[in-house]
N, C-alpha and C. Protein backbone atom coordinates (compact mmCIF):
# COMPACT_ATOMS: atom_id res chain seq x y z
N MET A 1 39.94 55.24 -26.20
CA MET A 1 39.82 53.87 -25.86
C MET A 1 38.36 53.52 -25.71
N CYS A 2 38.13 52.47 -26.26
CA CYS A 2 36.79 51.96 -26.19
C CYS A 2 36.75 50.86 -25.16
N GLY A 3 35.95 50.98 -24.28
CA GLY A 3 35.84 49.93 -23.28
C GLY A 3 34.48 49.26 -23.35
N SER A 4 34.45 48.02 -23.10
CA SER A 4 33.18 47.32 -23.05
C SER A 4 32.89 46.95 -21.61
N LEU A 5 31.66 46.95 -21.33
CA LEU A 5 31.27 46.61 -19.97
C LEU A 5 31.24 45.10 -19.82
N ALA A 6 31.89 44.63 -18.86
CA ALA A 6 31.89 43.18 -18.59
C ALA A 6 30.68 42.87 -17.71
N GLY A 7 30.02 41.77 -18.06
CA GLY A 7 28.85 41.37 -17.28
C GLY A 7 29.32 40.81 -15.94
N GLY A 8 28.94 41.43 -14.91
CA GLY A 8 29.37 40.99 -13.59
C GLY A 8 28.34 40.05 -12.96
N GLN A 9 28.86 39.17 -12.20
CA GLN A 9 27.99 38.26 -11.47
C GLN A 9 28.16 38.54 -10.00
N SER A 10 27.08 38.40 -9.30
CA SER A 10 27.12 38.65 -7.87
C SER A 10 27.67 37.43 -7.15
N LEU A 11 28.28 37.68 -6.05
CA LEU A 11 28.76 36.60 -5.19
C LEU A 11 27.62 35.98 -4.41
N TRP A 12 26.49 36.63 -4.36
CA TRP A 12 25.35 36.18 -3.56
C TRP A 12 24.21 35.76 -4.46
N GLU A 13 23.66 34.59 -4.21
CA GLU A 13 22.50 34.14 -4.96
C GLU A 13 21.25 34.77 -4.37
N LYS A 14 20.21 34.86 -5.21
CA LYS A 14 18.98 35.45 -4.73
C LYS A 14 18.32 34.58 -3.66
N ASN A 15 18.23 33.28 -3.85
CA ASN A 15 17.61 32.37 -2.89
C ASN A 15 18.54 31.17 -2.68
N PRO A 16 19.58 31.33 -1.92
CA PRO A 16 20.49 30.20 -1.73
C PRO A 16 19.79 29.08 -0.97
N PRO A 17 20.15 27.80 -1.29
CA PRO A 17 19.48 26.68 -0.64
C PRO A 17 19.74 26.61 0.85
N GLY A 18 20.82 27.12 1.34
CA GLY A 18 21.12 27.04 2.76
C GLY A 18 20.87 28.34 3.49
N ASN A 19 19.89 29.08 3.07
CA ASN A 19 19.58 30.36 3.68
C ASN A 19 19.26 30.15 5.16
N LEU A 20 19.99 30.82 6.00
CA LEU A 20 19.84 30.66 7.44
C LEU A 20 18.54 31.25 7.96
N TYR A 21 17.97 32.15 7.22
CA TYR A 21 16.79 32.85 7.70
C TYR A 21 15.48 32.31 7.13
N ARG A 22 15.58 31.33 6.27
CA ARG A 22 14.39 30.77 5.65
C ARG A 22 13.93 29.54 6.42
N ASP A 23 12.62 29.40 6.61
CA ASP A 23 12.05 28.24 7.28
C ASP A 23 11.95 27.11 6.26
N THR A 24 12.55 25.96 6.56
CA THR A 24 12.56 24.85 5.60
C THR A 24 11.56 23.74 5.97
N LYS A 25 10.62 24.04 6.83
CA LYS A 25 9.62 23.04 7.19
C LYS A 25 8.67 22.80 6.02
N ALA A 26 8.23 21.53 5.92
CA ALA A 26 7.26 21.17 4.88
C ALA A 26 5.95 21.89 5.16
N ARG A 27 5.37 22.46 4.11
CA ARG A 27 4.09 23.15 4.28
C ARG A 27 3.25 23.19 3.02
N ALA A 28 3.79 22.71 1.90
CA ALA A 28 3.04 22.77 0.64
C ALA A 28 3.06 21.40 -0.02
N VAL A 29 2.13 21.20 -0.95
CA VAL A 29 2.06 19.94 -1.69
C VAL A 29 3.38 19.71 -2.40
N GLY A 30 3.92 18.51 -2.26
CA GLY A 30 5.19 18.15 -2.89
C GLY A 30 6.39 18.31 -1.98
N ASP A 31 6.24 19.01 -0.86
CA ASP A 31 7.36 19.16 0.07
C ASP A 31 7.68 17.82 0.72
N VAL A 32 8.95 17.64 1.05
CA VAL A 32 9.43 16.39 1.66
C VAL A 32 9.60 16.61 3.15
N LEU A 33 9.25 15.59 3.92
CA LEU A 33 9.29 15.61 5.37
C LEU A 33 9.81 14.26 5.84
N THR A 34 10.55 14.21 6.92
CA THR A 34 11.06 12.94 7.46
C THR A 34 10.21 12.52 8.64
N VAL A 35 9.69 11.29 8.59
CA VAL A 35 8.94 10.73 9.71
C VAL A 35 9.88 9.80 10.47
N LEU A 36 10.00 10.06 11.76
CA LEU A 36 10.83 9.23 12.63
C LEU A 36 9.93 8.16 13.25
N ILE A 37 10.00 6.96 12.71
CA ILE A 37 9.12 5.88 13.14
C ILE A 37 9.76 5.16 14.32
N ASN A 38 9.04 5.15 15.43
CA ASN A 38 9.48 4.41 16.62
C ASN A 38 8.23 3.81 17.25
N GLU A 39 7.86 2.65 16.77
CA GLU A 39 6.62 2.01 17.19
C GLU A 39 6.94 0.71 17.92
N GLN A 40 6.24 0.49 19.01
CA GLN A 40 6.38 -0.76 19.77
C GLN A 40 4.99 -1.31 20.01
N ALA A 41 4.84 -2.58 19.76
CA ALA A 41 3.54 -3.23 19.96
C ALA A 41 3.75 -4.53 20.71
N GLU A 42 2.99 -4.70 21.77
CA GLU A 42 3.02 -5.95 22.52
C GLU A 42 1.59 -6.44 22.68
N VAL A 43 1.39 -7.69 22.34
CA VAL A 43 0.07 -8.30 22.47
C VAL A 43 0.25 -9.56 23.29
N SER A 44 -0.61 -9.74 24.27
CA SER A 44 -0.57 -10.92 25.11
C SER A 44 -1.99 -11.33 25.43
N LYS A 45 -2.27 -12.61 25.26
CA LYS A 45 -3.61 -13.10 25.56
C LYS A 45 -3.51 -14.51 26.12
N ASP A 46 -4.16 -14.73 27.24
CA ASP A 46 -4.26 -16.05 27.85
C ASP A 46 -5.74 -16.40 27.88
N SER A 47 -6.03 -17.63 27.54
CA SER A 47 -7.41 -18.07 27.51
C SER A 47 -7.49 -19.51 27.98
N SER A 48 -8.53 -19.82 28.75
CA SER A 48 -8.75 -21.21 29.14
C SER A 48 -10.25 -21.46 29.16
N ARG A 49 -10.61 -22.69 28.87
CA ARG A 49 -12.01 -23.05 28.81
C ARG A 49 -12.13 -24.49 29.31
N SER A 50 -13.17 -24.72 30.07
CA SER A 50 -13.41 -26.05 30.61
C SER A 50 -14.89 -26.38 30.44
N LEU A 51 -15.17 -27.61 30.04
CA LEU A 51 -16.55 -28.05 29.84
C LEU A 51 -16.66 -29.46 30.41
N ASN A 52 -17.59 -29.65 31.30
CA ASN A 52 -17.87 -30.97 31.86
C ASN A 52 -19.35 -31.24 31.71
N LYS A 53 -19.68 -32.42 31.20
CA LYS A 53 -21.08 -32.77 31.02
C LYS A 53 -21.23 -34.26 31.29
N GLU A 54 -22.19 -34.59 32.15
CA GLU A 54 -22.47 -36.00 32.46
C GLU A 54 -23.95 -36.24 32.25
N HIS A 55 -24.27 -37.44 31.77
CA HIS A 55 -25.66 -37.80 31.62
C HIS A 55 -25.79 -39.33 31.74
N SER A 56 -26.93 -39.74 32.21
CA SER A 56 -27.20 -41.18 32.31
C SER A 56 -28.69 -41.39 32.12
N ALA A 57 -29.03 -42.60 31.70
CA ALA A 57 -30.43 -42.95 31.50
C ALA A 57 -30.60 -44.43 31.82
N ASP A 58 -31.73 -44.76 32.36
CA ASP A 58 -32.07 -46.15 32.68
C ASP A 58 -33.54 -46.33 32.30
N MET A 59 -33.77 -47.11 31.26
CA MET A 59 -35.14 -47.30 30.79
C MET A 59 -35.44 -48.80 30.68
N GLY A 60 -36.63 -49.11 30.96
CA GLY A 60 -37.06 -50.50 30.82
C GLY A 60 -38.57 -50.55 30.83
N VAL A 61 -39.13 -51.65 30.39
CA VAL A 61 -40.59 -51.81 30.34
C VAL A 61 -40.93 -53.09 31.10
N ASP A 62 -41.84 -52.99 32.01
CA ASP A 62 -42.33 -54.15 32.76
C ASP A 62 -43.62 -54.61 32.08
N ALA A 63 -43.59 -55.81 31.56
CA ALA A 63 -44.72 -56.31 30.78
C ALA A 63 -45.99 -56.41 31.59
N PHE A 64 -45.87 -56.78 32.84
CA PHE A 64 -47.07 -56.93 33.66
C PHE A 64 -47.69 -55.58 33.99
N LYS A 65 -46.83 -54.58 34.28
CA LYS A 65 -47.37 -53.25 34.59
C LYS A 65 -47.94 -52.61 33.33
N LEU A 66 -47.39 -53.03 32.20
CA LEU A 66 -47.86 -52.48 30.95
C LEU A 66 -49.32 -52.87 30.71
N PHE A 67 -49.69 -54.08 31.10
CA PHE A 67 -51.07 -54.54 30.88
C PHE A 67 -51.91 -54.48 32.15
N GLY A 68 -51.41 -53.79 33.18
CA GLY A 68 -52.17 -53.63 34.40
C GLY A 68 -52.06 -54.80 35.36
N LEU A 69 -51.12 -55.68 35.16
CA LEU A 69 -50.92 -56.82 36.05
C LEU A 69 -49.78 -56.53 37.00
N ASN A 70 -49.67 -57.29 38.07
CA ASN A 70 -48.60 -57.11 39.04
C ASN A 70 -47.75 -58.37 39.06
N ASN A 71 -46.44 -58.26 38.82
CA ASN A 71 -45.56 -59.41 38.71
C ASN A 71 -44.77 -59.64 39.98
N ASN A 72 -44.56 -58.70 40.83
CA ASN A 72 -43.74 -58.80 42.04
C ASN A 72 -42.35 -59.34 41.75
N GLY A 73 -41.87 -59.17 40.63
CA GLY A 73 -40.53 -59.70 40.31
C GLY A 73 -39.87 -58.86 39.24
N GLU A 74 -38.91 -59.47 38.65
CA GLU A 74 -38.16 -58.78 37.61
C GLU A 74 -38.90 -58.82 36.28
N SER A 75 -38.69 -57.80 35.47
CA SER A 75 -39.29 -57.75 34.15
C SER A 75 -38.52 -58.68 33.22
N THR A 76 -39.20 -59.30 32.34
CA THR A 76 -38.54 -60.16 31.37
C THR A 76 -38.28 -59.45 30.05
N LEU A 77 -38.77 -58.23 29.92
CA LEU A 77 -38.51 -57.46 28.70
C LEU A 77 -37.15 -56.78 28.81
N PRO A 78 -36.52 -56.58 27.66
CA PRO A 78 -35.18 -55.95 27.71
C PRO A 78 -35.27 -54.50 28.19
N GLY A 79 -34.18 -54.06 28.81
CA GLY A 79 -34.08 -52.70 29.28
C GLY A 79 -32.91 -51.99 28.61
N LEU A 80 -32.82 -50.75 28.84
CA LEU A 80 -31.76 -49.96 28.24
C LEU A 80 -31.17 -49.05 29.30
N LYS A 81 -29.85 -49.05 29.41
CA LYS A 81 -29.17 -48.22 30.39
C LYS A 81 -27.88 -47.71 29.78
N TRP A 82 -27.64 -46.44 29.94
CA TRP A 82 -26.35 -45.91 29.48
C TRP A 82 -25.92 -44.76 30.35
N ASP A 83 -24.61 -44.56 30.33
CA ASP A 83 -23.98 -43.44 31.04
C ASP A 83 -23.06 -42.75 30.05
N GLY A 84 -22.97 -41.47 30.15
CA GLY A 84 -22.07 -40.72 29.27
C GLY A 84 -21.42 -39.58 30.02
N LYS A 85 -20.22 -39.27 29.58
CA LYS A 85 -19.49 -38.18 30.20
C LYS A 85 -18.63 -37.52 29.13
N LYS A 86 -18.62 -36.19 29.13
CA LYS A 86 -17.82 -35.45 28.17
C LYS A 86 -17.03 -34.40 28.95
N ASP A 87 -15.73 -34.41 28.76
CA ASP A 87 -14.86 -33.42 29.39
C ASP A 87 -14.05 -32.72 28.32
N PHE A 88 -13.92 -31.43 28.46
CA PHE A 88 -13.05 -30.67 27.56
C PHE A 88 -12.31 -29.63 28.38
N ASN A 89 -11.03 -29.61 28.25
CA ASN A 89 -10.19 -28.59 28.88
C ASN A 89 -9.27 -28.04 27.80
N GLY A 90 -9.31 -26.76 27.62
CA GLY A 90 -8.45 -26.15 26.60
C GLY A 90 -7.79 -24.91 27.14
N GLU A 91 -6.56 -24.71 26.72
CA GLU A 91 -5.81 -23.51 27.10
C GLU A 91 -5.10 -22.98 25.87
N ALA A 92 -4.99 -21.67 25.83
CA ALA A 92 -4.27 -21.03 24.72
C ALA A 92 -3.49 -19.85 25.27
N GLU A 93 -2.36 -19.62 24.70
CA GLU A 93 -1.54 -18.48 25.09
C GLU A 93 -0.93 -17.90 23.83
N TYR A 94 -1.05 -16.60 23.68
CA TYR A 94 -0.51 -15.93 22.50
C TYR A 94 0.26 -14.70 22.95
N LYS A 95 1.49 -14.58 22.47
CA LYS A 95 2.30 -13.40 22.78
C LYS A 95 3.01 -12.96 21.52
N SER A 96 3.03 -11.66 21.33
CA SER A 96 3.72 -11.09 20.18
C SER A 96 4.33 -9.77 20.61
N SER A 97 5.54 -9.52 20.18
CA SER A 97 6.21 -8.27 20.53
C SER A 97 6.97 -7.78 19.30
N ASP A 98 6.71 -6.56 18.90
CA ASP A 98 7.37 -5.99 17.73
C ASP A 98 7.89 -4.60 18.07
N THR A 99 9.08 -4.32 17.60
CA THR A 99 9.66 -2.99 17.70
C THR A 99 10.08 -2.57 16.30
N PHE A 100 9.69 -1.39 15.91
CA PHE A 100 9.94 -0.93 14.56
C PHE A 100 10.52 0.48 14.65
N VAL A 101 11.78 0.65 14.28
CA VAL A 101 12.45 1.94 14.34
C VAL A 101 13.03 2.23 12.96
N LYS A 102 12.58 3.28 12.33
CA LYS A 102 13.03 3.66 10.98
C LYS A 102 12.87 5.15 10.78
N ARG A 103 13.53 5.66 9.78
CA ARG A 103 13.34 7.02 9.28
C ARG A 103 12.85 6.89 7.85
N LEU A 104 11.79 7.60 7.52
CA LEU A 104 11.24 7.50 6.17
C LEU A 104 10.87 8.88 5.66
N ALA A 105 11.39 9.22 4.49
CA ALA A 105 11.04 10.49 3.86
C ALA A 105 9.68 10.33 3.18
N VAL A 106 8.79 11.27 3.43
CA VAL A 106 7.45 11.25 2.86
C VAL A 106 7.20 12.57 2.16
N THR A 107 6.17 12.62 1.34
CA THR A 107 5.82 13.87 0.68
C THR A 107 4.44 14.32 1.12
N VAL A 108 4.23 15.61 1.05
CA VAL A 108 2.93 16.19 1.36
C VAL A 108 2.06 16.00 0.13
N LYS A 109 0.96 15.25 0.28
CA LYS A 109 0.06 14.98 -0.85
C LYS A 109 -1.06 16.00 -0.95
N GLU A 110 -1.43 16.59 0.21
CA GLU A 110 -2.54 17.54 0.22
C GLU A 110 -2.44 18.41 1.46
N VAL A 111 -2.78 19.67 1.31
CA VAL A 111 -2.92 20.56 2.46
C VAL A 111 -4.42 20.67 2.71
N LEU A 112 -4.84 20.19 3.88
CA LEU A 112 -6.26 20.17 4.22
C LEU A 112 -6.76 21.58 4.56
N PRO A 113 -8.07 21.82 4.51
CA PRO A 113 -8.61 23.16 4.78
C PRO A 113 -8.19 23.74 6.13
N ASN A 114 -7.95 22.90 7.13
CA ASN A 114 -7.54 23.42 8.44
C ASN A 114 -6.03 23.62 8.54
N GLY A 115 -5.30 23.39 7.46
CA GLY A 115 -3.86 23.60 7.44
C GLY A 115 -3.04 22.35 7.71
N ASN A 116 -3.68 21.28 8.15
CA ASN A 116 -2.96 20.03 8.38
C ASN A 116 -2.48 19.44 7.06
N LEU A 117 -1.43 18.62 7.15
CA LEU A 117 -0.81 18.07 5.95
C LEU A 117 -1.09 16.57 5.84
N LEU A 118 -1.55 16.14 4.68
CA LEU A 118 -1.76 14.72 4.40
C LEU A 118 -0.46 14.19 3.82
N LEU A 119 0.12 13.20 4.50
CA LEU A 119 1.42 12.66 4.11
C LEU A 119 1.30 11.28 3.50
N GLU A 120 2.24 10.95 2.64
CA GLU A 120 2.33 9.60 2.11
C GLU A 120 3.77 9.34 1.71
N GLY A 121 4.27 8.18 2.09
CA GLY A 121 5.63 7.82 1.73
C GLY A 121 5.76 6.32 1.59
N ARG A 122 6.70 5.92 0.76
CA ARG A 122 6.90 4.50 0.51
C ARG A 122 8.36 4.27 0.14
N ARG A 123 8.90 3.18 0.66
CA ARG A 123 10.27 2.80 0.32
C ARG A 123 10.28 1.30 0.06
N GLN A 124 10.94 0.92 -1.02
CA GLN A 124 11.04 -0.48 -1.39
C GLN A 124 12.51 -0.85 -1.48
N ILE A 125 12.88 -1.93 -0.77
CA ILE A 125 14.27 -2.37 -0.72
C ILE A 125 14.32 -3.82 -1.18
N GLY A 126 15.19 -4.12 -2.14
CA GLY A 126 15.34 -5.48 -2.63
C GLY A 126 16.72 -6.03 -2.31
N THR A 127 16.77 -7.21 -1.69
CA THR A 127 18.04 -7.88 -1.40
C THR A 127 17.88 -9.38 -1.57
N ASP A 128 18.77 -10.00 -2.30
CA ASP A 128 18.81 -11.45 -2.47
C ASP A 128 17.46 -12.06 -2.83
N GLY A 129 16.73 -11.44 -3.72
CA GLY A 129 15.45 -11.98 -4.17
C GLY A 129 14.28 -11.61 -3.28
N ASP A 130 14.54 -10.98 -2.15
CA ASP A 130 13.47 -10.52 -1.26
C ASP A 130 13.21 -9.04 -1.52
N VAL A 131 11.93 -8.67 -1.48
CA VAL A 131 11.55 -7.27 -1.62
C VAL A 131 10.79 -6.87 -0.37
N THR A 132 11.28 -5.85 0.31
CA THR A 132 10.64 -5.33 1.51
C THR A 132 10.07 -3.96 1.18
N THR A 133 8.79 -3.77 1.48
CA THR A 133 8.13 -2.50 1.20
C THR A 133 7.63 -1.89 2.51
N MET A 134 8.04 -0.65 2.74
CA MET A 134 7.60 0.09 3.91
C MET A 134 6.73 1.25 3.42
N THR A 135 5.55 1.40 4.03
CA THR A 135 4.61 2.43 3.62
C THR A 135 4.06 3.14 4.85
N ILE A 136 3.89 4.46 4.73
CA ILE A 136 3.26 5.23 5.81
C ILE A 136 2.37 6.30 5.19
N THR A 137 1.19 6.46 5.77
CA THR A 137 0.29 7.54 5.40
C THR A 137 -0.28 8.11 6.70
N GLY A 138 -0.69 9.34 6.67
CA GLY A 138 -1.28 9.96 7.85
C GLY A 138 -1.40 11.46 7.71
N ILE A 139 -1.82 12.10 8.79
CA ILE A 139 -2.04 13.54 8.83
C ILE A 139 -1.18 14.15 9.93
N VAL A 140 -0.53 15.27 9.62
CA VAL A 140 0.35 15.94 10.58
C VAL A 140 -0.06 17.41 10.69
N ARG A 141 -0.04 17.90 11.92
CA ARG A 141 -0.24 19.33 12.15
C ARG A 141 1.09 20.05 11.89
N PRO A 142 1.08 21.19 11.24
CA PRO A 142 2.34 21.92 10.97
C PRO A 142 3.13 22.24 12.24
N GLN A 143 2.45 22.50 13.36
CA GLN A 143 3.16 22.84 14.59
C GLN A 143 3.88 21.63 15.20
N ASP A 144 3.55 20.42 14.75
CA ASP A 144 4.23 19.22 15.25
C ASP A 144 5.53 18.92 14.50
N ILE A 145 5.79 19.64 13.43
CA ILE A 145 7.01 19.43 12.65
C ILE A 145 8.16 20.15 13.35
N ALA A 146 9.23 19.40 13.62
CA ALA A 146 10.40 19.95 14.33
C ALA A 146 11.19 20.87 13.41
N ALA A 147 12.13 21.60 13.98
CA ALA A 147 12.95 22.56 13.23
C ALA A 147 13.78 21.87 12.14
N ASP A 148 14.12 20.58 12.34
CA ASP A 148 14.89 19.86 11.32
C ASP A 148 14.01 19.19 10.27
N ASN A 149 12.74 19.62 10.17
CA ASN A 149 11.78 19.13 9.19
C ASN A 149 11.47 17.64 9.38
N SER A 150 11.35 17.22 10.64
CA SER A 150 10.99 15.84 10.94
C SER A 150 9.82 15.83 11.91
N VAL A 151 9.14 14.70 11.99
CA VAL A 151 8.03 14.54 12.91
C VAL A 151 8.07 13.11 13.44
N ALA A 152 7.79 12.95 14.73
CA ALA A 152 7.75 11.63 15.34
C ALA A 152 6.47 10.92 14.93
N SER A 153 6.55 9.61 14.75
CA SER A 153 5.40 8.85 14.26
C SER A 153 4.21 8.90 15.21
N GLU A 154 4.46 9.08 16.51
CA GLU A 154 3.32 9.15 17.43
C GLU A 154 2.53 10.44 17.28
N LEU A 155 3.05 11.42 16.53
CA LEU A 155 2.33 12.66 16.28
C LEU A 155 1.60 12.64 14.94
N VAL A 156 1.68 11.53 14.22
CA VAL A 156 0.98 11.39 12.94
C VAL A 156 -0.41 10.83 13.22
N ALA A 157 -1.43 11.62 12.92
CA ALA A 157 -2.81 11.18 13.14
C ALA A 157 -3.22 10.23 12.01
N GLU A 158 -4.10 9.31 12.34
CA GLU A 158 -4.59 8.32 11.38
C GLU A 158 -3.44 7.63 10.66
N ALA A 159 -2.38 7.36 11.40
CA ALA A 159 -1.19 6.74 10.81
C ALA A 159 -1.47 5.31 10.40
N LYS A 160 -1.04 4.98 9.21
CA LYS A 160 -1.07 3.61 8.71
C LYS A 160 0.36 3.27 8.31
N ILE A 161 0.98 2.43 9.10
CA ILE A 161 2.38 2.06 8.86
C ILE A 161 2.42 0.57 8.57
N SER A 162 3.00 0.21 7.45
CA SER A 162 3.11 -1.21 7.12
C SER A 162 4.53 -1.52 6.68
N TYR A 163 4.94 -2.74 6.98
CA TYR A 163 6.27 -3.23 6.63
C TYR A 163 6.08 -4.67 6.18
N GLU A 164 6.13 -4.89 4.89
CA GLU A 164 5.82 -6.19 4.34
C GLU A 164 6.97 -6.69 3.48
N GLY A 165 7.15 -8.01 3.52
CA GLY A 165 8.21 -8.61 2.73
C GLY A 165 7.68 -9.69 1.82
N GLU A 166 8.31 -9.82 0.67
CA GLU A 166 7.98 -10.88 -0.28
C GLU A 166 9.28 -11.50 -0.75
N GLY A 167 9.22 -12.80 -1.01
CA GLY A 167 10.40 -13.49 -1.51
C GLY A 167 10.71 -14.72 -0.69
N PRO A 168 11.85 -15.35 -0.95
CA PRO A 168 12.19 -16.61 -0.28
C PRO A 168 12.26 -16.52 1.24
N ALA A 169 12.86 -15.49 1.78
CA ALA A 169 12.98 -15.37 3.24
C ALA A 169 11.61 -15.16 3.88
N ALA A 170 10.75 -14.37 3.26
CA ALA A 170 9.41 -14.13 3.80
C ALA A 170 8.56 -15.40 3.74
N GLU A 171 8.73 -16.20 2.70
CA GLU A 171 7.95 -17.43 2.56
C GLU A 171 8.29 -18.45 3.64
N THR A 172 9.52 -18.46 4.12
CA THR A 172 9.89 -19.46 5.13
C THR A 172 9.26 -19.17 6.48
N THR A 173 8.83 -17.96 6.74
CA THR A 173 8.22 -17.63 8.02
C THR A 173 6.70 -17.72 8.00
N ARG A 174 6.11 -17.98 6.85
CA ARG A 174 4.66 -18.12 6.76
C ARG A 174 4.28 -19.58 6.93
N ARG A 175 3.13 -19.81 7.57
CA ARG A 175 2.64 -21.18 7.72
C ARG A 175 2.15 -21.68 6.37
N GLY A 176 2.34 -22.96 6.13
CA GLY A 176 1.92 -23.57 4.87
C GLY A 176 0.42 -23.69 4.75
N TRP A 177 -0.06 -23.95 3.53
CA TRP A 177 -1.49 -24.02 3.29
C TRP A 177 -2.13 -25.21 4.01
N PHE A 178 -1.41 -26.32 4.14
CA PHE A 178 -1.98 -27.49 4.80
C PHE A 178 -2.19 -27.24 6.30
N VAL A 179 -1.24 -26.57 6.93
CA VAL A 179 -1.37 -26.24 8.36
C VAL A 179 -2.52 -25.27 8.57
N ARG A 180 -2.66 -24.28 7.69
CA ARG A 180 -3.78 -23.33 7.80
C ARG A 180 -5.12 -24.04 7.60
N LEU A 181 -5.18 -25.03 6.69
CA LEU A 181 -6.39 -25.79 6.47
C LEU A 181 -6.74 -26.63 7.69
N LEU A 182 -5.75 -27.29 8.27
CA LEU A 182 -5.99 -28.09 9.48
C LEU A 182 -6.49 -27.22 10.63
N ASP A 183 -5.90 -26.03 10.80
CA ASP A 183 -6.34 -25.13 11.86
C ASP A 183 -7.79 -24.70 11.68
N SER A 184 -8.24 -24.57 10.44
CA SER A 184 -9.61 -24.10 10.23
C SER A 184 -10.63 -25.21 10.46
N ILE A 185 -10.28 -26.49 10.20
CA ILE A 185 -11.27 -27.54 10.38
C ILE A 185 -11.09 -28.32 11.68
N TRP A 186 -9.95 -28.24 12.30
CA TRP A 186 -9.69 -28.97 13.54
C TRP A 186 -8.96 -28.04 14.51
N PRO A 187 -9.69 -27.24 15.27
CA PRO A 187 -9.07 -26.20 16.09
C PRO A 187 -8.53 -26.69 17.43
N PHE A 188 -8.32 -27.99 17.63
CA PHE A 188 -7.85 -28.50 18.92
C PHE A 188 -6.36 -28.65 18.94
């Protein structure tokens, strides 16, 4: 009997994706990492200004004193008298509060000489003619990356996080060009 050897396959892969003993943290260029964005910003400013200015003048010429004579009476030449007063009171109050909570997958763009990772990520979402773009860049230390391959946004150094929208909904929340022009030439 002639037997042929059947090619056997192993039940175990050499590098299975779910290897329990392998560290899956991002550490090389191209690796993916999740940034947990939880940013809160509050800005508050109160300002007031007050300006009061008064001035007056009373001028006249006495013809007799002008030529060295003494009239003992009223001058017959015209005089000039004025009073002026300027008051300005202004108050301004500005308050803004933003909370931004998102998860964003980013990629490692560069491993710096000290081992830190330069990250960059971007997500664009389009709905009903509006396009929202979320972008984050920054630097992360490898020891700040959690076991689940995520990092909190407050641990991202030099973080630049932006969330911008374009389209009909975004246009309705922007001030018009005429209002912006009036604010620049008439700030009262």
